[in-house]
């Protein structure tokens, strides 16, 4: 999907949203996601905008690749950051050194939620979590355990 009509510029941004909204037909979504993750000519999402890219990744059934997409967070931790910024400047050498607008950006912390939602695959099956859907995307993990607080109390989940 082009950024603008007649333009030969593509981005992970608009294509992620096109997958999430079914603007790209479902039969082409997984192929599109594969291209989004492998073609460096696409304008890449910054750390906070990857929220949508990673939602699209799960939507097309590629959730097992989620952990492989956390390289920027690994880099931030290796840089000694204790919170996640909007953009990790040292990770993108093409960016000017004054690019970062926020060194503590709440949108960049969503992997905390995603470990339950995507990796463990825990979602409400009905309103209020009256029922639970568990479809793990363990990726490189061989085992994952989780504890989630529901109105019925703590629920422990053991996945292999």
N, C-alpha and C. Protein backbone atom coordinates (compact mmCIF):
# COMPACT_ATOMS: atom_id res chain seq x y z
N UNK A 1 0.85 -1.17 0.00
CA UNK A 1 0.00 0.00 0.00
C UNK A 1 0.90 1.24 0.00
N UNK A 2 0.66 2.15 -0.96
CA UNK A 2 1.43 3.38 -1.07
C UNK A 2 1.09 4.35 0.06
N UNK A 3 2.03 5.21 0.38
CA UNK A 3 1.77 6.26 1.38
C UNK A 3 0.75 7.28 0.84
N UNK A 4 0.93 7.68 -0.41
CA UNK A 4 -0.02 8.61 -1.05
C UNK A 4 -0.24 8.13 -2.48
N UNK A 5 -1.32 8.55 -3.09
CA UNK A 5 -1.64 8.14 -4.45
C UNK A 5 -0.50 8.49 -5.40
N UNK A 6 -0.09 7.51 -6.20
CA UNK A 6 0.96 7.74 -7.18
C UNK A 6 2.36 7.81 -6.61
N UNK A 7 2.49 7.59 -5.33
CA UNK A 7 3.78 7.68 -4.65
C UNK A 7 4.40 6.28 -4.59
N UNK A 8 5.71 6.20 -4.72
CA UNK A 8 6.40 4.91 -4.64
C UNK A 8 7.05 4.71 -3.28
N UNK A 9 6.51 5.36 -2.26
CA UNK A 9 7.03 5.25 -0.90
C UNK A 9 6.08 4.37 -0.10
N UNK A 10 6.67 3.43 0.64
CA UNK A 10 5.89 2.50 1.45
C UNK A 10 6.36 2.61 2.90
N UNK A 11 5.48 2.32 3.82
CA UNK A 11 5.88 2.34 5.23
C UNK A 11 5.23 1.19 5.99
N UNK A 12 5.88 0.83 7.07
CA UNK A 12 5.27 -0.15 7.98
C UNK A 12 4.02 0.46 8.61
N UNK A 13 4.01 1.77 8.79
CA UNK A 13 2.91 2.45 9.47
C UNK A 13 1.57 2.20 8.77
N UNK A 14 1.46 2.67 7.53
CA UNK A 14 0.18 2.59 6.84
C UNK A 14 -0.19 1.14 6.53
N UNK A 15 0.79 0.31 6.24
CA UNK A 15 0.49 -1.08 5.93
C UNK A 15 0.05 -1.86 7.16
N UNK A 16 0.58 -1.54 8.33
CA UNK A 16 0.11 -2.16 9.57
C UNK A 16 -1.35 -1.82 9.80
N UNK A 17 -1.68 -0.54 9.63
CA UNK A 17 -3.07 -0.12 9.82
C UNK A 17 -3.98 -0.73 8.75
N UNK A 18 -3.45 -0.89 7.54
CA UNK A 18 -4.25 -1.51 6.46
C UNK A 18 -4.57 -2.96 6.80
N UNK A 19 -3.63 -3.66 7.45
CA UNK A 19 -3.90 -5.03 7.89
C UNK A 19 -4.93 -5.02 9.00
N UNK A 20 -4.75 -4.16 9.98
CA UNK A 20 -5.66 -4.13 11.14
C UNK A 20 -7.09 -3.78 10.75
N UNK A 21 -7.25 -2.97 9.71
CA UNK A 21 -8.59 -2.54 9.29
C UNK A 21 -9.14 -3.36 8.13
N UNK A 22 -8.41 -4.38 7.72
CA UNK A 22 -8.78 -5.22 6.58
C UNK A 22 -8.87 -4.45 5.27
N UNK A 23 -8.17 -3.32 5.18
CA UNK A 23 -8.06 -2.60 3.91
C UNK A 23 -7.29 -3.47 2.92
N UNK A 24 -6.31 -4.18 3.41
CA UNK A 24 -5.64 -5.22 2.62
C UNK A 24 -6.46 -6.48 2.83
N UNK A 25 -6.90 -7.12 1.75
CA UNK A 25 -7.72 -8.33 1.91
C UNK A 25 -7.00 -9.38 2.75
N UNK A 26 -7.76 -10.11 3.54
CA UNK A 26 -7.19 -11.08 4.48
C UNK A 26 -6.26 -12.09 3.81
N UNK A 27 -6.57 -12.48 2.59
CA UNK A 27 -5.73 -13.48 1.92
C UNK A 27 -4.33 -12.94 1.57
N UNK A 28 -4.14 -11.62 1.66
CA UNK A 28 -2.83 -11.01 1.36
C UNK A 28 -2.13 -10.45 2.59
N UNK A 29 -2.78 -10.54 3.76
CA UNK A 29 -2.24 -9.90 4.95
C UNK A 29 -0.95 -10.55 5.46
N UNK A 30 -0.89 -11.87 5.50
CA UNK A 30 0.31 -12.53 6.00
C UNK A 30 1.50 -12.25 5.09
N UNK A 31 1.28 -12.31 3.79
CA UNK A 31 2.34 -11.99 2.82
C UNK A 31 2.81 -10.55 3.01
N UNK A 32 1.87 -9.64 3.20
CA UNK A 32 2.22 -8.24 3.43
C UNK A 32 3.06 -8.10 4.70
N UNK A 33 2.66 -8.77 5.77
CA UNK A 33 3.41 -8.69 7.02
C UNK A 33 4.82 -9.23 6.83
N UNK A 34 4.98 -10.31 6.11
CA UNK A 34 6.30 -10.87 5.85
C UNK A 34 7.19 -9.83 5.15
N UNK A 35 6.62 -9.12 4.20
CA UNK A 35 7.36 -8.07 3.51
C UNK A 35 7.69 -6.92 4.46
N UNK A 36 6.72 -6.53 5.29
CA UNK A 36 6.94 -5.43 6.23
C UNK A 36 8.11 -5.71 7.17
N UNK A 37 8.27 -6.97 7.56
CA UNK A 37 9.32 -7.33 8.50
C UNK A 37 10.67 -7.54 7.82
N UNK A 38 10.68 -7.74 6.51
CA UNK A 38 11.94 -8.10 5.85
C UNK A 38 12.49 -7.05 4.89
N UNK A 39 11.67 -6.13 4.43
CA UNK A 39 12.12 -5.17 3.42
C UNK A 39 12.57 -3.86 4.08
N UNK A 40 13.88 -3.60 4.11
CA UNK A 40 14.37 -2.38 4.77
C UNK A 40 14.03 -1.09 4.02
N UNK A 41 13.52 -1.21 2.78
CA UNK A 41 13.15 -0.01 2.03
C UNK A 41 11.83 0.60 2.52
N UNK A 42 11.06 -0.19 3.27
CA UNK A 42 9.84 0.37 3.87
C UNK A 42 10.27 1.31 4.99
N UNK A 43 9.59 2.44 5.12
CA UNK A 43 9.84 3.32 6.25
C UNK A 43 9.51 2.52 7.51
N UNK A 44 10.46 2.44 8.43
CA UNK A 44 10.33 1.61 9.61
C UNK A 44 9.58 2.34 10.72
N UNK A 45 8.80 1.59 11.47
CA UNK A 45 8.10 2.16 12.63
C UNK A 45 9.11 2.48 13.72
N UNK A 46 8.87 3.56 14.42
CA UNK A 46 9.66 3.84 15.62
C UNK A 46 9.13 2.94 16.74
N UNK A 47 9.82 2.95 17.83
CA UNK A 47 9.52 2.02 18.92
C UNK A 47 8.07 2.15 19.41
N UNK A 48 7.56 3.36 19.53
CA UNK A 48 6.19 3.48 20.04
C UNK A 48 5.16 3.05 19.00
N UNK A 49 5.42 3.29 17.71
CA UNK A 49 4.44 2.97 16.66
C UNK A 49 4.41 1.48 16.34
N UNK A 50 5.45 0.76 16.78
CA UNK A 50 5.46 -0.68 16.55
C UNK A 50 4.29 -1.37 17.25
N UNK A 51 3.64 -0.65 18.16
CA UNK A 51 2.43 -1.19 18.79
C UNK A 51 1.48 -1.71 17.72
N UNK A 52 1.23 -0.92 16.68
CA UNK A 52 0.31 -1.30 15.61
C UNK A 52 0.89 -2.41 14.73
N UNK A 53 2.17 -2.32 14.44
CA UNK A 53 2.83 -3.36 13.65
C UNK A 53 2.72 -4.71 14.37
N UNK A 54 2.94 -4.72 15.67
CA UNK A 54 2.89 -5.97 16.43
C UNK A 54 1.47 -6.47 16.64
N UNK A 55 0.48 -5.58 16.65
CA UNK A 55 -0.92 -6.02 16.67
C UNK A 55 -1.24 -6.71 15.34
N UNK A 56 -0.76 -6.13 14.26
CA UNK A 56 -0.99 -6.73 12.93
C UNK A 56 -0.26 -8.07 12.83
N UNK A 57 0.92 -8.16 13.41
CA UNK A 57 1.68 -9.42 13.42
C UNK A 57 0.85 -10.53 14.07
N UNK A 58 0.26 -10.24 15.19
CA UNK A 58 -0.58 -11.22 15.88
C UNK A 58 -1.83 -11.53 15.06
N UNK A 59 -2.44 -10.51 14.48
CA UNK A 59 -3.68 -10.68 13.72
C UNK A 59 -3.50 -11.65 12.56
N UNK A 60 -2.34 -11.62 11.90
CA UNK A 60 -2.14 -12.48 10.74
C UNK A 60 -1.61 -13.86 11.12
N UNK A 61 -1.53 -14.16 12.41
CA UNK A 61 -1.11 -15.47 12.86
C UNK A 61 0.39 -15.67 12.93
N UNK A 62 1.14 -14.56 13.03
CA UNK A 62 2.60 -14.64 13.11
C UNK A 62 3.11 -14.25 14.49
N UNK A 63 2.28 -14.45 15.51
CA UNK A 63 2.63 -14.07 16.87
C UNK A 63 3.88 -14.73 17.40
N UNK A 64 4.23 -15.90 16.86
CA UNK A 64 5.45 -16.57 17.32
C UNK A 64 6.70 -15.77 16.98
N UNK A 65 6.59 -14.78 16.11
CA UNK A 65 7.73 -13.93 15.77
C UNK A 65 7.81 -12.67 16.64
N UNK A 66 6.87 -12.54 17.58
CA UNK A 66 6.81 -11.33 18.41
C UNK A 66 8.13 -11.06 19.13
N UNK A 67 8.67 -12.05 19.81
CA UNK A 67 9.89 -11.85 20.60
C UNK A 67 11.06 -11.41 19.73
N UNK A 68 11.07 -11.82 18.47
CA UNK A 68 12.14 -11.43 17.56
C UNK A 68 12.06 -9.94 17.19
N UNK A 69 10.95 -9.31 17.47
CA UNK A 69 10.76 -7.90 17.11
C UNK A 69 11.14 -6.94 18.24
N UNK A 70 11.70 -7.45 19.32
CA UNK A 70 12.01 -6.62 20.49
C UNK A 70 13.48 -6.16 20.53
N UNK A 71 14.15 -6.19 19.42
CA UNK A 71 15.56 -5.81 19.37
C UNK A 71 15.81 -4.39 19.90
N UNK A 72 14.94 -3.46 19.56
CA UNK A 72 15.12 -2.08 20.03
C UNK A 72 15.03 -1.98 21.56
N UNK A 73 14.15 -2.75 22.16
CA UNK A 73 14.03 -2.74 23.61
C UNK A 73 15.29 -3.35 24.23
N UNK A 74 15.80 -4.41 23.62
CA UNK A 74 17.07 -4.99 24.08
C UNK A 74 18.19 -3.96 24.00
N UNK A 75 18.20 -3.20 22.90
CA UNK A 75 19.21 -2.16 22.72
C UNK A 75 19.08 -1.08 23.80
N UNK A 76 17.85 -0.69 24.09
CA UNK A 76 17.63 0.34 25.11
C UNK A 76 18.16 -0.13 26.46
N UNK A 77 17.89 -1.37 26.81
CA UNK A 77 18.39 -1.90 28.07
C UNK A 77 19.92 -1.96 28.08
N UNK A 78 20.50 -2.35 26.95
CA UNK A 78 21.96 -2.40 26.85
C UNK A 78 22.58 -1.01 26.95
N UNK A 79 21.83 0.02 26.56
CA UNK A 79 22.29 1.41 26.67
C UNK A 79 22.15 1.94 28.10
N UNK A 80 21.56 1.14 28.98
CA UNK A 80 21.40 1.54 30.37
C UNK A 80 20.12 2.29 30.67
N UNK A 81 19.19 2.32 29.72
CA UNK A 81 17.92 3.01 29.96
C UNK A 81 17.07 2.21 30.94
N UNK A 82 16.40 2.88 31.83
CA UNK A 82 15.51 2.22 32.78
C UNK A 82 14.05 2.46 32.46
N UNK A 83 13.79 3.33 31.48
CA UNK A 83 12.46 3.53 30.91
C UNK A 83 12.64 3.50 29.39
N UNK A 84 11.56 3.35 28.67
CA UNK A 84 11.68 3.26 27.21
C UNK A 84 11.30 4.58 26.56
N UNK A 85 12.16 5.06 25.66
CA UNK A 85 11.92 6.34 24.99
C UNK A 85 10.97 6.20 23.81
N UNK A 86 10.59 7.33 23.27
CA UNK A 86 9.77 7.36 22.06
C UNK A 86 10.56 6.83 20.87
N UNK A 87 11.82 7.21 20.79
CA UNK A 87 12.73 6.77 19.74
C UNK A 87 14.08 6.51 20.37
N UNK A 88 14.69 5.40 20.02
CA UNK A 88 16.02 5.10 20.53
C UNK A 88 17.02 5.61 19.50
N UNK A 89 17.54 6.80 19.74
CA UNK A 89 18.36 7.51 18.76
C UNK A 89 19.58 6.69 18.36
N UNK A 90 20.29 6.10 19.31
CA UNK A 90 21.50 5.35 18.97
C UNK A 90 21.21 4.12 18.13
N UNK A 91 19.97 3.67 18.12
CA UNK A 91 19.60 2.49 17.34
C UNK A 91 19.45 2.84 15.86
N UNK A 92 19.14 4.10 15.58
CA UNK A 92 18.94 4.57 14.21
C UNK A 92 20.01 5.61 13.88
N UNK A 93 21.17 5.19 13.37
CA UNK A 93 22.27 6.13 13.13
C UNK A 93 21.92 7.24 12.13
N UNK A 94 20.90 7.03 11.31
CA UNK A 94 20.53 8.05 10.33
C UNK A 94 19.78 9.23 10.96
N UNK A 95 19.35 9.08 12.22
CA UNK A 95 18.62 10.16 12.88
C UNK A 95 19.57 11.15 13.53
N UNK A 96 19.23 12.43 13.49
CA UNK A 96 20.04 13.41 14.23
C UNK A 96 20.02 13.10 15.72
N UNK A 97 21.05 13.47 16.43
CA UNK A 97 21.18 13.12 17.85
C UNK A 97 20.11 13.78 18.72
N UNK A 98 19.43 14.79 18.23
CA UNK A 98 18.39 15.46 19.03
C UNK A 98 16.98 15.00 18.64
N UNK A 99 16.85 13.82 18.05
CA UNK A 99 15.56 13.34 17.56
C UNK A 99 14.60 12.94 18.67
N UNK A 100 15.10 12.35 19.75
CA UNK A 100 14.22 11.84 20.79
C UNK A 100 13.44 12.98 21.44
N UNK A 101 12.12 12.80 21.54
CA UNK A 101 11.29 13.82 22.15
C UNK A 101 10.89 13.45 23.56
N UNK A 102 11.02 12.18 23.90
CA UNK A 102 10.58 11.73 25.21
C UNK A 102 11.44 10.55 25.64
N UNK A 103 12.07 10.66 26.79
CA UNK A 103 12.90 9.57 27.29
C UNK A 103 12.12 8.61 28.17
N UNK A 104 10.87 8.91 28.42
CA UNK A 104 10.01 8.01 29.21
C UNK A 104 8.63 8.06 28.55
N UNK A 105 8.47 7.24 27.54
CA UNK A 105 7.28 7.31 26.70
C UNK A 105 6.38 6.10 26.98
N UNK A 106 5.23 6.34 27.56
CA UNK A 106 4.35 5.25 27.97
C UNK A 106 4.01 4.30 26.82
N UNK A 107 3.86 4.83 25.62
CA UNK A 107 3.52 3.97 24.48
C UNK A 107 4.61 2.95 24.19
N UNK A 108 5.83 3.22 24.59
CA UNK A 108 6.93 2.30 24.31
C UNK A 108 7.03 1.17 25.33
N UNK A 109 6.18 1.17 26.33
CA UNK A 109 6.23 0.15 27.38
C UNK A 109 5.23 -0.98 27.13
N UNK A 110 4.55 -0.99 26.01
CA UNK A 110 3.51 -1.99 25.78
C UNK A 110 3.99 -3.44 25.75
N UNK A 111 5.29 -3.77 25.53
CA UNK A 111 5.67 -5.18 25.64
C UNK A 111 5.33 -5.80 27.00
N UNK A 112 5.22 -4.98 28.03
CA UNK A 112 4.82 -5.50 29.34
C UNK A 112 3.43 -6.15 29.22
N UNK A 113 2.51 -5.47 28.58
CA UNK A 113 1.16 -6.00 28.35
C UNK A 113 1.20 -7.17 27.37
N UNK A 114 2.04 -7.03 26.34
CA UNK A 114 2.08 -8.04 25.29
C UNK A 114 2.60 -9.39 25.75
N UNK A 115 3.35 -9.43 26.84
CA UNK A 115 3.78 -10.74 27.31
C UNK A 115 2.58 -11.57 27.75
N UNK A 116 1.55 -10.93 28.27
CA UNK A 116 0.32 -11.66 28.58
C UNK A 116 -0.55 -11.82 27.33
N UNK A 117 -0.75 -10.72 26.59
CA UNK A 117 -1.68 -10.70 25.47
C UNK A 117 -1.18 -11.49 24.26
N UNK A 118 0.07 -11.31 23.89
CA UNK A 118 0.58 -11.95 22.67
C UNK A 118 1.39 -13.21 22.97
N UNK A 119 2.41 -13.10 23.79
CA UNK A 119 3.28 -14.26 24.04
C UNK A 119 2.50 -15.36 24.76
N UNK A 120 1.86 -15.03 25.87
CA UNK A 120 1.04 -16.02 26.57
C UNK A 120 -0.31 -16.22 25.88
N UNK A 121 -0.72 -15.25 25.09
CA UNK A 121 -1.95 -15.37 24.30
C UNK A 121 -3.22 -15.36 25.12
N UNK A 122 -3.23 -14.60 26.22
CA UNK A 122 -4.39 -14.57 27.11
C UNK A 122 -5.28 -13.40 26.72
N UNK A 123 -6.52 -13.71 26.36
CA UNK A 123 -7.49 -12.69 25.95
C UNK A 123 -8.85 -13.02 26.56
N UNK A 124 -9.68 -12.01 26.73
CA UNK A 124 -11.03 -12.32 27.19
C UNK A 124 -11.79 -13.07 26.09
N UNK A 125 -12.49 -14.11 26.47
CA UNK A 125 -13.35 -14.84 25.53
C UNK A 125 -14.75 -14.28 25.52
N UNK A 126 -15.07 -13.52 26.56
CA UNK A 126 -16.37 -12.87 26.67
C UNK A 126 -16.19 -11.66 27.58
N UNK A 127 -17.14 -10.74 27.58
CA UNK A 127 -17.00 -9.54 28.40
C UNK A 127 -16.70 -9.86 29.86
N UNK A 128 -15.84 -9.07 30.46
CA UNK A 128 -15.49 -9.23 31.86
C UNK A 128 -14.64 -10.45 32.15
N UNK A 129 -14.03 -11.02 31.12
CA UNK A 129 -13.22 -12.23 31.28
C UNK A 129 -14.04 -13.36 31.90
N UNK A 130 -15.34 -13.41 31.62
CA UNK A 130 -16.15 -14.53 32.11
C UNK A 130 -15.61 -15.84 31.55
N UNK A 131 -15.08 -15.77 30.33
CA UNK A 131 -14.36 -16.91 29.76
C UNK A 131 -13.03 -16.37 29.23
N UNK A 132 -12.06 -17.25 29.06
CA UNK A 132 -10.72 -16.84 28.68
C UNK A 132 -10.27 -17.65 27.46
N UNK A 133 -9.64 -16.97 26.52
CA UNK A 133 -9.02 -17.61 25.36
C UNK A 133 -7.52 -17.64 25.62
N UNK A 134 -6.90 -18.78 25.44
CA UNK A 134 -5.46 -18.89 25.62
C UNK A 134 -4.88 -19.51 24.35
N UNK A 135 -4.16 -18.68 23.58
CA UNK A 135 -3.50 -19.12 22.35
C UNK A 135 -2.07 -18.59 22.39
N UNK A 136 -1.17 -19.32 23.04
CA UNK A 136 0.20 -18.83 23.21
C UNK A 136 0.96 -18.69 21.89
N UNK A 137 1.86 -17.72 21.88
CA UNK A 137 2.80 -17.49 20.79
C UNK A 137 4.18 -17.46 21.43
N UNK A 138 4.66 -18.62 21.80
CA UNK A 138 5.87 -18.70 22.62
C UNK A 138 7.15 -18.38 21.86
N UNK A 139 7.12 -18.42 20.54
CA UNK A 139 8.33 -18.09 19.79
C UNK A 139 9.50 -18.94 20.24
N UNK A 140 10.57 -18.28 20.67
CA UNK A 140 11.77 -19.02 21.07
C UNK A 140 11.70 -19.57 22.50
N UNK A 141 10.63 -19.24 23.24
CA UNK A 141 10.47 -19.81 24.56
C UNK A 141 9.97 -21.25 24.44
N UNK A 142 10.51 -22.13 25.23
CA UNK A 142 10.03 -23.51 25.26
C UNK A 142 8.89 -23.66 26.26
N UNK A 143 8.86 -22.78 27.26
CA UNK A 143 7.86 -22.84 28.31
C UNK A 143 7.58 -21.42 28.77
N UNK A 144 6.36 -21.17 29.16
CA UNK A 144 5.98 -19.86 29.69
C UNK A 144 4.92 -20.08 30.75
N UNK A 145 5.08 -19.42 31.85
CA UNK A 145 4.07 -19.43 32.89
C UNK A 145 3.57 -18.01 33.09
N UNK A 146 2.34 -17.89 33.50
CA UNK A 146 1.78 -16.56 33.72
C UNK A 146 0.79 -16.61 34.87
N UNK A 147 0.64 -15.49 35.52
CA UNK A 147 -0.38 -15.31 36.54
C UNK A 147 -1.14 -14.05 36.17
N UNK A 148 -2.44 -14.16 36.09
CA UNK A 148 -3.27 -13.01 35.73
C UNK A 148 -4.38 -12.87 36.77
N UNK A 149 -4.64 -11.64 37.16
CA UNK A 149 -5.68 -11.35 38.13
C UNK A 149 -7.00 -11.14 37.39
N UNK A 150 -7.96 -11.98 37.68
CA UNK A 150 -9.30 -11.85 37.13
C UNK A 150 -10.27 -11.67 38.28
N UNK A 151 -11.50 -11.32 37.98
CA UNK A 151 -12.45 -11.10 39.08
C UNK A 151 -12.72 -12.39 39.87
N UNK A 152 -12.41 -13.54 39.27
CA UNK A 152 -12.55 -14.81 39.98
C UNK A 152 -11.36 -15.07 40.91
N UNK A 153 -10.33 -14.22 40.81
CA UNK A 153 -9.10 -14.39 41.60
C UNK A 153 -7.91 -14.60 40.69
N UNK A 154 -6.79 -14.92 41.29
CA UNK A 154 -5.57 -15.16 40.52
C UNK A 154 -5.70 -16.44 39.71
N UNK A 155 -5.33 -16.36 38.46
CA UNK A 155 -5.34 -17.52 37.58
C UNK A 155 -3.91 -17.80 37.14
N UNK A 156 -3.42 -18.99 37.44
CA UNK A 156 -2.07 -19.39 37.03
C UNK A 156 -2.18 -20.22 35.75
N UNK A 157 -1.31 -19.91 34.81
CA UNK A 157 -1.34 -20.60 33.51
C UNK A 157 0.05 -21.13 33.23
N UNK A 158 0.11 -22.39 32.85
CA UNK A 158 1.38 -23.05 32.54
C UNK A 158 1.30 -23.52 31.10
N UNK A 159 2.23 -23.04 30.24
CA UNK A 159 2.19 -23.36 28.82
C UNK A 159 3.47 -24.04 28.38
N UNK A 160 3.33 -25.02 27.50
CA UNK A 160 4.50 -25.66 26.87
C UNK A 160 4.25 -25.73 25.39
